Amino acid sequence: MAKPIQTIQKTEWTDEQKKIQSLENLLSGVADNKDSLLETLSLLQELHDSGILEALGSLLIVKESAAKIAVGQIARKPVTNMINNAMAAGGILTELEPETTSKLAKSLTAGMQKAEQGLKADTKLGVFDIMKALKDPDINRALGFGFNLLKGIGEGLKE
C-alpha cells in the first residue's frame, strides 16, 4: 500500500516565470484575435492620419477645462431651449401614427409642388375662382383637414 501524502508542496512562480506566462497568454490572445486587432490598428492609423487622434489626445490632456467649457455652453438658455423643444417634438412624434405622418408629409410635398407650379403660372385669383375652388373635392378635403386641425389645436389650448 502507498504511503499517505503528509505535506503538499506549492510551487512558487518566480517573477521571470510569471512574465513568460503572461507573454504566452498575450501572444495566444493576439493569435486568436488577429483580424479584429488588425482592423483596430487600421482604424487607429486612419484616426492618426486625419488628426482626430491628436485632437482627442489634446482634449484628454485639458479634459477638466474642456468639460467646464462644454457644460457652460450646454447650460446656455438657447441650448436648453433647443433640447427641451427637441424632447417635446420627440414626445409628440411618439403619439402620432407613422402612417398618418407619412401621408401628411407626402401630401405636403405634393402641395408644395403644386404651389410652385401656381407661382410659375402667375395667374390672378378672383373671388369667383375661390368660390369655384371650394367645390373641388381636393381643396374641400384640405380645408376640412385644416379646420379640424385648428379645432383640435384650439381645444388643446383651452386646457
N, C-alpha and C. Protein backbone atom coordinates (compact mmCIF):
# COMPACT_ATOMS: atom_id res chain seq x y z
N MET A 1 0.83 -1.18 0.00
CA MET A 1 0.00 0.00 0.00
C MET A 1 0.87 1.24 0.00
N ALA A 2 0.38 2.29 -0.68
CA ALA A 2 1.17 3.52 -0.81
C ALA A 2 1.14 4.30 0.47
N LYS A 3 2.16 5.06 0.64
CA LYS A 3 2.30 5.88 1.83
C LYS A 3 1.45 7.15 1.65
N PRO A 4 0.63 7.55 2.64
CA PRO A 4 -0.20 8.75 2.51
C PRO A 4 0.65 10.01 2.42
N ILE A 5 0.11 11.00 1.65
CA ILE A 5 0.82 12.27 1.49
C ILE A 5 0.64 13.07 2.76
N GLN A 6 1.72 13.50 3.29
CA GLN A 6 1.70 14.24 4.55
C GLN A 6 1.77 15.75 4.31
N THR A 7 2.53 16.14 3.31
CA THR A 7 2.68 17.57 3.04
C THR A 7 2.44 17.84 1.57
N ILE A 8 1.90 19.02 1.28
CA ILE A 8 1.68 19.45 -0.11
C ILE A 8 2.65 20.58 -0.38
N GLN A 9 3.43 20.38 -1.41
CA GLN A 9 4.39 21.41 -1.75
C GLN A 9 3.80 22.30 -2.84
N LYS A 10 3.71 23.58 -2.55
CA LYS A 10 3.20 24.54 -3.50
C LYS A 10 4.38 25.13 -4.26
N THR A 11 4.28 25.07 -5.59
CA THR A 11 5.38 25.62 -6.38
C THR A 11 5.16 27.12 -6.55
N GLU A 12 6.15 27.86 -6.21
CA GLU A 12 6.10 29.32 -6.33
C GLU A 12 6.70 29.70 -7.67
N TRP A 13 6.00 30.55 -8.38
CA TRP A 13 6.48 31.03 -9.67
C TRP A 13 7.39 32.23 -9.42
N THR A 14 8.49 32.24 -10.10
CA THR A 14 9.37 33.40 -10.00
C THR A 14 8.81 34.53 -10.86
N ASP A 15 9.33 35.71 -10.65
CA ASP A 15 8.87 36.86 -11.45
C ASP A 15 9.13 36.62 -12.93
N GLU A 16 10.24 36.02 -13.24
CA GLU A 16 10.58 35.73 -14.64
C GLU A 16 9.60 34.74 -15.24
N GLN A 17 9.21 33.69 -14.49
CA GLN A 17 8.25 32.70 -14.97
C GLN A 17 6.87 33.34 -15.16
N LYS A 18 6.50 34.24 -14.26
CA LYS A 18 5.21 34.94 -14.38
C LYS A 18 5.19 35.80 -15.64
N LYS A 19 6.32 36.47 -15.93
CA LYS A 19 6.39 37.30 -17.13
C LYS A 19 6.29 36.45 -18.38
N ILE A 20 6.98 35.31 -18.38
CA ILE A 20 6.95 34.40 -19.53
C ILE A 20 5.53 33.89 -19.76
N GLN A 21 4.86 33.49 -18.67
CA GLN A 21 3.47 33.00 -18.78
C GLN A 21 2.54 34.11 -19.29
N SER A 22 2.76 35.31 -18.81
CA SER A 22 1.95 36.46 -19.22
C SER A 22 2.15 36.74 -20.71
N LEU A 23 3.38 36.68 -21.17
CA LEU A 23 3.67 36.90 -22.59
C LEU A 23 3.06 35.81 -23.46
N GLU A 24 3.10 34.57 -22.99
CA GLU A 24 2.49 33.47 -23.73
C GLU A 24 0.99 33.66 -23.85
N ASN A 25 0.35 34.09 -22.76
CA ASN A 25 -1.09 34.36 -22.79
C ASN A 25 -1.41 35.50 -23.77
N LEU A 26 -0.56 36.53 -23.76
CA LEU A 26 -0.77 37.67 -24.64
C LEU A 26 -0.63 37.25 -26.10
N LEU A 27 0.42 36.49 -26.40
CA LEU A 27 0.62 36.01 -27.77
C LEU A 27 -0.53 35.12 -28.22
N SER A 28 -1.03 34.30 -27.33
CA SER A 28 -2.17 33.45 -27.66
C SER A 28 -3.40 34.31 -27.97
N GLY A 29 -3.63 35.35 -27.18
CA GLY A 29 -4.75 36.25 -27.41
C GLY A 29 -4.62 37.00 -28.73
N VAL A 30 -3.39 37.41 -29.05
CA VAL A 30 -3.15 38.10 -30.32
C VAL A 30 -3.43 37.16 -31.48
N ALA A 31 -2.97 35.93 -31.38
CA ALA A 31 -3.20 34.95 -32.45
C ALA A 31 -4.69 34.65 -32.61
N ASP A 32 -5.44 34.58 -31.50
CA ASP A 32 -6.86 34.26 -31.57
C ASP A 32 -7.68 35.42 -32.16
N ASN A 33 -7.20 36.65 -31.98
CA ASN A 33 -7.97 37.82 -32.40
C ASN A 33 -7.23 38.65 -33.46
N LYS A 34 -6.52 37.99 -34.32
CA LYS A 34 -5.68 38.65 -35.31
C LYS A 34 -6.48 39.62 -36.18
N ASP A 35 -7.62 39.19 -36.73
CA ASP A 35 -8.39 40.02 -37.65
C ASP A 35 -8.91 41.29 -36.98
N SER A 36 -9.46 41.14 -35.77
CA SER A 36 -10.00 42.32 -35.10
C SER A 36 -8.89 43.27 -34.68
N LEU A 37 -7.73 42.74 -34.29
CA LEU A 37 -6.60 43.61 -33.92
C LEU A 37 -6.08 44.37 -35.13
N LEU A 38 -5.99 43.70 -36.28
CA LEU A 38 -5.54 44.39 -37.50
C LEU A 38 -6.54 45.48 -37.90
N GLU A 39 -7.82 45.20 -37.76
CA GLU A 39 -8.85 46.19 -38.07
C GLU A 39 -8.76 47.38 -37.12
N THR A 40 -8.51 47.11 -35.84
CA THR A 40 -8.35 48.17 -34.85
C THR A 40 -7.13 49.03 -35.16
N LEU A 41 -6.04 48.38 -35.53
CA LEU A 41 -4.83 49.12 -35.90
C LEU A 41 -5.07 49.99 -37.12
N SER A 42 -5.80 49.47 -38.09
CA SER A 42 -6.13 50.24 -39.29
C SER A 42 -6.98 51.46 -38.93
N LEU A 43 -7.95 51.26 -38.04
CA LEU A 43 -8.80 52.37 -37.59
C LEU A 43 -7.97 53.42 -36.86
N LEU A 44 -7.08 52.99 -35.99
CA LEU A 44 -6.21 53.91 -35.28
C LEU A 44 -5.33 54.69 -36.24
N GLN A 45 -4.84 54.02 -37.28
CA GLN A 45 -4.00 54.70 -38.27
C GLN A 45 -4.80 55.77 -39.01
N GLU A 46 -6.04 55.46 -39.36
CA GLU A 46 -6.91 56.44 -40.02
C GLU A 46 -7.17 57.64 -39.11
N LEU A 47 -7.43 57.37 -37.83
CA LEU A 47 -7.64 58.45 -36.87
C LEU A 47 -6.39 59.31 -36.73
N HIS A 48 -5.24 58.66 -36.74
CA HIS A 48 -3.97 59.38 -36.65
C HIS A 48 -3.74 60.24 -37.89
N ASP A 49 -3.94 59.64 -39.08
CA ASP A 49 -3.72 60.36 -40.34
C ASP A 49 -4.63 61.58 -40.47
N SER A 50 -5.87 61.46 -39.99
CA SER A 50 -6.82 62.57 -40.11
C SER A 50 -6.64 63.63 -39.03
N GLY A 51 -5.82 63.35 -38.02
CA GLY A 51 -5.57 64.32 -36.97
C GLY A 51 -6.55 64.21 -35.80
N ILE A 52 -7.52 63.34 -35.92
CA ILE A 52 -8.52 63.18 -34.86
C ILE A 52 -7.88 62.61 -33.61
N LEU A 53 -6.96 61.67 -33.78
CA LEU A 53 -6.31 61.05 -32.63
C LEU A 53 -5.52 62.09 -31.83
N GLU A 54 -4.83 62.97 -32.53
CA GLU A 54 -4.07 64.02 -31.86
C GLU A 54 -5.02 64.97 -31.12
N ALA A 55 -6.14 65.30 -31.78
CA ALA A 55 -7.12 66.20 -31.14
C ALA A 55 -7.70 65.56 -29.89
N LEU A 56 -8.01 64.26 -29.96
CA LEU A 56 -8.54 63.57 -28.80
C LEU A 56 -7.51 63.51 -27.67
N GLY A 57 -6.25 63.29 -28.04
CA GLY A 57 -5.19 63.28 -27.03
C GLY A 57 -5.07 64.63 -26.34
N SER A 58 -5.13 65.69 -27.13
CA SER A 58 -5.06 67.03 -26.56
C SER A 58 -6.27 67.31 -25.68
N LEU A 59 -7.42 66.84 -26.12
CA LEU A 59 -8.64 67.03 -25.34
C LEU A 59 -8.56 66.30 -24.00
N LEU A 60 -7.96 65.13 -23.99
CA LEU A 60 -7.79 64.39 -22.73
C LEU A 60 -6.83 65.10 -21.79
N ILE A 61 -5.84 65.76 -22.36
CA ILE A 61 -4.88 66.49 -21.51
C ILE A 61 -5.56 67.66 -20.81
N VAL A 62 -6.45 68.35 -21.52
CA VAL A 62 -7.12 69.52 -20.94
C VAL A 62 -8.58 69.19 -20.60
N LYS A 63 -8.82 67.94 -20.22
CA LYS A 63 -10.19 67.47 -20.03
C LYS A 63 -11.00 68.30 -19.04
N GLU A 64 -10.39 68.76 -17.97
CA GLU A 64 -11.15 69.49 -16.95
C GLU A 64 -11.63 70.83 -17.49
N SER A 65 -10.73 71.57 -18.13
CA SER A 65 -11.16 72.88 -18.66
C SER A 65 -12.10 72.69 -19.84
N ALA A 66 -11.88 71.64 -20.67
CA ALA A 66 -12.79 71.37 -21.79
C ALA A 66 -14.17 71.01 -21.27
N ALA A 67 -14.24 70.25 -20.20
CA ALA A 67 -15.53 69.87 -19.62
C ALA A 67 -16.26 71.10 -19.09
N LYS A 68 -15.51 72.02 -18.48
CA LYS A 68 -16.14 73.26 -17.98
C LYS A 68 -16.72 74.07 -19.12
N ILE A 69 -15.98 74.16 -20.21
CA ILE A 69 -16.46 74.91 -21.38
C ILE A 69 -17.70 74.24 -21.96
N ALA A 70 -17.66 72.91 -22.10
CA ALA A 70 -18.80 72.19 -22.67
C ALA A 70 -20.04 72.35 -21.80
N VAL A 71 -19.87 72.23 -20.50
CA VAL A 71 -21.02 72.38 -19.59
C VAL A 71 -21.54 73.81 -19.65
N GLY A 72 -20.63 74.77 -19.74
CA GLY A 72 -21.04 76.17 -19.85
C GLY A 72 -21.83 76.43 -21.11
N GLN A 73 -21.43 75.82 -22.21
CA GLN A 73 -22.15 76.00 -23.47
C GLN A 73 -23.51 75.32 -23.45
N ILE A 74 -23.57 74.14 -22.85
CA ILE A 74 -24.83 73.39 -22.80
C ILE A 74 -25.82 74.08 -21.87
N ALA A 75 -25.32 74.75 -20.84
CA ALA A 75 -26.21 75.38 -19.86
C ALA A 75 -26.79 76.70 -20.35
N ARG A 76 -26.34 77.19 -21.52
CA ARG A 76 -26.88 78.45 -22.05
C ARG A 76 -28.36 78.29 -22.38
N LYS A 77 -29.12 79.38 -22.23
CA LYS A 77 -30.57 79.36 -22.42
C LYS A 77 -30.98 78.88 -23.82
N PRO A 78 -30.35 79.37 -24.91
CA PRO A 78 -30.77 78.87 -26.23
C PRO A 78 -30.57 77.36 -26.40
N VAL A 79 -29.49 76.83 -25.83
CA VAL A 79 -29.22 75.39 -25.96
C VAL A 79 -30.23 74.59 -25.15
N THR A 80 -30.53 75.03 -23.94
CA THR A 80 -31.51 74.30 -23.13
C THR A 80 -32.89 74.39 -23.77
N ASN A 81 -33.21 75.55 -24.38
CA ASN A 81 -34.49 75.67 -25.10
C ASN A 81 -34.54 74.67 -26.26
N MET A 82 -33.44 74.57 -27.00
CA MET A 82 -33.39 73.65 -28.13
C MET A 82 -33.58 72.21 -27.66
N ILE A 83 -32.91 71.84 -26.58
CA ILE A 83 -33.02 70.48 -26.05
C ILE A 83 -34.45 70.21 -25.59
N ASN A 84 -35.05 71.17 -24.87
CA ASN A 84 -36.43 71.00 -24.41
C ASN A 84 -37.40 70.90 -25.58
N ASN A 85 -37.19 71.72 -26.62
CA ASN A 85 -38.06 71.66 -27.79
C ASN A 85 -37.91 70.34 -28.54
N ALA A 86 -36.68 69.85 -28.64
CA ALA A 86 -36.45 68.58 -29.31
C ALA A 86 -37.12 67.44 -28.53
N MET A 87 -37.05 67.50 -27.20
CA MET A 87 -37.70 66.46 -26.40
C MET A 87 -39.22 66.55 -26.54
N ALA A 88 -39.76 67.76 -26.58
CA ALA A 88 -41.20 67.91 -26.75
C ALA A 88 -41.63 67.41 -28.13
N ALA A 89 -40.85 67.74 -29.16
CA ALA A 89 -41.17 67.27 -30.51
C ALA A 89 -41.09 65.75 -30.57
N GLY A 90 -40.10 65.18 -29.91
CA GLY A 90 -39.99 63.72 -29.86
C GLY A 90 -41.19 63.10 -29.17
N GLY A 91 -41.67 63.74 -28.10
CA GLY A 91 -42.85 63.25 -27.41
C GLY A 91 -44.08 63.30 -28.29
N ILE A 92 -44.20 64.36 -29.06
CA ILE A 92 -45.35 64.49 -29.98
C ILE A 92 -45.28 63.40 -31.04
N LEU A 93 -44.08 63.19 -31.59
CA LEU A 93 -43.93 62.18 -32.65
C LEU A 93 -44.24 60.78 -32.16
N THR A 94 -44.02 60.51 -30.87
CA THR A 94 -44.32 59.17 -30.36
C THR A 94 -45.82 58.93 -30.26
N GLU A 95 -46.60 60.02 -30.18
CA GLU A 95 -48.05 59.88 -30.07
C GLU A 95 -48.74 59.76 -31.42
N LEU A 96 -48.06 60.17 -32.50
CA LEU A 96 -48.66 60.14 -33.83
C LEU A 96 -48.48 58.78 -34.48
N GLU A 97 -49.45 58.43 -35.29
CA GLU A 97 -49.36 57.19 -36.06
C GLU A 97 -48.38 57.41 -37.22
N PRO A 98 -47.43 56.52 -37.43
CA PRO A 98 -46.46 56.71 -38.51
C PRO A 98 -47.11 56.80 -39.90
N GLU A 99 -48.19 56.05 -40.11
CA GLU A 99 -48.86 56.10 -41.41
C GLU A 99 -49.43 57.48 -41.67
N THR A 100 -50.03 58.09 -40.64
CA THR A 100 -50.61 59.42 -40.78
C THR A 100 -49.52 60.45 -41.05
N THR A 101 -48.42 60.34 -40.32
CA THR A 101 -47.31 61.27 -40.51
C THR A 101 -46.75 61.15 -41.92
N SER A 102 -46.59 59.93 -42.40
CA SER A 102 -46.07 59.70 -43.74
C SER A 102 -47.02 60.26 -44.79
N LYS A 103 -48.30 60.02 -44.61
CA LYS A 103 -49.30 60.52 -45.56
C LYS A 103 -49.31 62.04 -45.59
N LEU A 104 -49.21 62.66 -44.41
CA LEU A 104 -49.19 64.12 -44.33
C LEU A 104 -47.94 64.69 -44.98
N ALA A 105 -46.79 64.03 -44.78
CA ALA A 105 -45.54 64.51 -45.37
C ALA A 105 -45.60 64.42 -46.90
N LYS A 106 -46.14 63.32 -47.42
CA LYS A 106 -46.27 63.16 -48.87
C LYS A 106 -47.24 64.19 -49.44
N SER A 107 -48.33 64.43 -48.72
CA SER A 107 -49.31 65.42 -49.17
C SER A 107 -48.71 66.81 -49.17
N LEU A 108 -47.92 67.11 -48.16
CA LEU A 108 -47.25 68.42 -48.08
C LEU A 108 -46.29 68.60 -49.24
N THR A 109 -45.56 67.54 -49.59
CA THR A 109 -44.64 67.60 -50.73
C THR A 109 -45.41 67.86 -52.02
N ALA A 110 -46.50 67.13 -52.21
CA ALA A 110 -47.32 67.32 -53.41
C ALA A 110 -47.90 68.74 -53.44
N GLY A 111 -48.33 69.23 -52.29
CA GLY A 111 -48.88 70.59 -52.21
C GLY A 111 -47.84 71.64 -52.53
N MET A 112 -46.61 71.43 -52.07
CA MET A 112 -45.54 72.38 -52.36
C MET A 112 -45.22 72.41 -53.86
N GLN A 113 -45.26 71.25 -54.49
CA GLN A 113 -45.01 71.19 -55.93
C GLN A 113 -46.12 71.91 -56.70
N LYS A 114 -47.35 71.69 -56.28
CA LYS A 114 -48.49 72.34 -56.92
C LYS A 114 -48.42 73.86 -56.72
N ALA A 115 -48.03 74.28 -55.52
CA ALA A 115 -47.91 75.72 -55.23
C ALA A 115 -46.81 76.34 -56.09
N GLU A 116 -45.73 75.62 -56.30
CA GLU A 116 -44.64 76.13 -57.14
C GLU A 116 -45.11 76.30 -58.59
N GLN A 117 -45.90 75.32 -59.06
CA GLN A 117 -46.45 75.43 -60.41
C GLN A 117 -47.36 76.66 -60.52
N GLY A 118 -48.15 76.90 -59.48
CA GLY A 118 -49.03 78.06 -59.47
C GLY A 118 -48.26 79.37 -59.47
N LEU A 119 -47.13 79.41 -58.77
CA LEU A 119 -46.29 80.61 -58.78
C LEU A 119 -45.71 80.87 -60.17
N LYS A 120 -45.29 79.79 -60.82
CA LYS A 120 -44.72 79.94 -62.16
C LYS A 120 -45.77 80.40 -63.17
N ALA A 121 -47.02 79.93 -63.00
CA ALA A 121 -48.10 80.33 -63.91
C ALA A 121 -48.46 81.79 -63.73
N ASP A 122 -48.29 82.32 -62.53
CA ASP A 122 -48.53 83.73 -62.20
C ASP A 122 -49.92 84.20 -62.64
N THR A 123 -50.93 83.40 -62.29
CA THR A 123 -52.32 83.79 -62.62
C THR A 123 -52.95 84.45 -61.42
N LYS A 124 -53.85 85.41 -61.70
CA LYS A 124 -54.54 86.10 -60.63
C LYS A 124 -55.73 85.27 -60.20
N LEU A 125 -56.02 85.33 -58.91
CA LEU A 125 -57.10 84.56 -58.32
C LEU A 125 -58.20 85.54 -57.90
N GLY A 126 -59.40 85.35 -58.44
CA GLY A 126 -60.52 86.23 -58.11
C GLY A 126 -61.47 85.57 -57.13
N VAL A 127 -62.45 86.31 -56.68
CA VAL A 127 -63.44 85.82 -55.72
C VAL A 127 -64.20 84.64 -56.30
N PHE A 128 -64.59 84.72 -57.57
CA PHE A 128 -65.34 83.62 -58.18
C PHE A 128 -64.46 82.37 -58.32
N ASP A 129 -63.15 82.59 -58.54
CA ASP A 129 -62.24 81.44 -58.61
C ASP A 129 -62.18 80.72 -57.25
N ILE A 130 -62.21 81.51 -56.18
CA ILE A 130 -62.18 80.92 -54.84
C ILE A 130 -63.47 80.14 -54.58
N MET A 131 -64.62 80.71 -54.97
CA MET A 131 -65.90 80.02 -54.77
C MET A 131 -65.93 78.72 -55.57
N LYS A 132 -65.41 78.78 -56.80
CA LYS A 132 -65.36 77.58 -57.64
C LYS A 132 -64.42 76.54 -57.04
N ALA A 133 -63.29 77.01 -56.46
CA ALA A 133 -62.31 76.09 -55.88
C ALA A 133 -62.88 75.36 -54.67
N LEU A 134 -63.80 75.98 -53.94
CA LEU A 134 -64.41 75.33 -52.78
C LEU A 134 -65.18 74.07 -53.17
N LYS A 135 -65.63 74.00 -54.42
CA LYS A 135 -66.36 72.82 -54.88
C LYS A 135 -65.42 71.69 -55.30
N ASP A 136 -64.13 72.01 -55.46
CA ASP A 136 -63.13 70.99 -55.81
C ASP A 136 -62.96 70.05 -54.62
N PRO A 137 -63.13 68.72 -54.79
CA PRO A 137 -63.05 67.78 -53.67
C PRO A 137 -61.68 67.79 -52.96
N ASP A 138 -60.61 67.99 -53.72
CA ASP A 138 -59.28 68.00 -53.10
C ASP A 138 -59.11 69.22 -52.19
N ILE A 139 -59.54 70.37 -52.68
CA ILE A 139 -59.44 71.59 -51.87
C ILE A 139 -60.37 71.48 -50.67
N ASN A 140 -61.56 70.95 -50.88
CA ASN A 140 -62.51 70.80 -49.79
C ASN A 140 -61.95 69.87 -48.71
N ARG A 141 -61.29 68.80 -49.14
CA ARG A 141 -60.69 67.84 -48.20
C ARG A 141 -59.59 68.53 -47.39
N ALA A 142 -58.75 69.32 -48.08
CA ALA A 142 -57.66 70.01 -47.40
C ALA A 142 -58.19 71.05 -46.42
N LEU A 143 -59.24 71.78 -46.83
CA LEU A 143 -59.85 72.77 -45.93
C LEU A 143 -60.47 72.08 -44.71
N GLY A 144 -61.15 70.98 -44.94
CA GLY A 144 -61.74 70.23 -43.83
C GLY A 144 -60.67 69.75 -42.87
N PHE A 145 -59.56 69.26 -43.41
CA PHE A 145 -58.43 68.83 -42.58
C PHE A 145 -57.91 70.01 -41.78
N GLY A 146 -57.73 71.14 -42.44
CA GLY A 146 -57.22 72.33 -41.77
C GLY A 146 -58.14 72.82 -40.66
N PHE A 147 -59.46 72.82 -40.94
CA PHE A 147 -60.41 73.27 -39.92
C PHE A 147 -60.41 72.33 -38.72
N ASN A 148 -60.37 71.02 -38.99
CA ASN A 148 -60.31 70.06 -37.88
C ASN A 148 -59.00 70.19 -37.10
N LEU A 149 -57.91 70.45 -37.81
CA LEU A 149 -56.63 70.67 -37.15
C LEU A 149 -56.72 71.90 -36.25
N LEU A 150 -57.28 72.98 -36.77
CA LEU A 150 -57.43 74.20 -35.96
C LEU A 150 -58.33 73.98 -34.77
N LYS A 151 -59.41 73.18 -34.94
CA LYS A 151 -60.31 72.88 -33.84
C LYS A 151 -59.58 72.11 -32.74
N GLY A 152 -58.79 71.12 -33.15
CA GLY A 152 -58.02 70.34 -32.19
C GLY A 152 -57.00 71.19 -31.45
N ILE A 153 -56.34 72.08 -32.17
CA ILE A 153 -55.37 72.98 -31.53
C ILE A 153 -56.08 73.87 -30.53
N GLY A 154 -57.22 74.41 -30.94
CA GLY A 154 -57.99 75.27 -30.02
C GLY A 154 -58.43 74.54 -28.77
N GLU A 155 -58.88 73.29 -28.94
CA GLU A 155 -59.29 72.50 -27.77
C GLU A 155 -58.09 72.23 -26.87
N GLY A 156 -56.94 71.98 -27.49
CA GLY A 156 -55.73 71.73 -26.70
C GLY A 156 -55.27 72.98 -25.95
N LEU A 157 -55.46 74.15 -26.56
CA LEU A 157 -55.05 75.39 -25.91
C LEU A 157 -55.98 75.77 -24.76
N LYS A 158 -57.19 75.24 -24.78
CA LYS A 158 -58.16 75.56 -23.73
C LYS A 158 -57.74 74.94 -22.40
N GLU A 159 -57.06 73.79 -22.45
CA GLU A 159 -56.69 73.07 -21.22
C GLU A 159 -55.61 73.78 -20.44
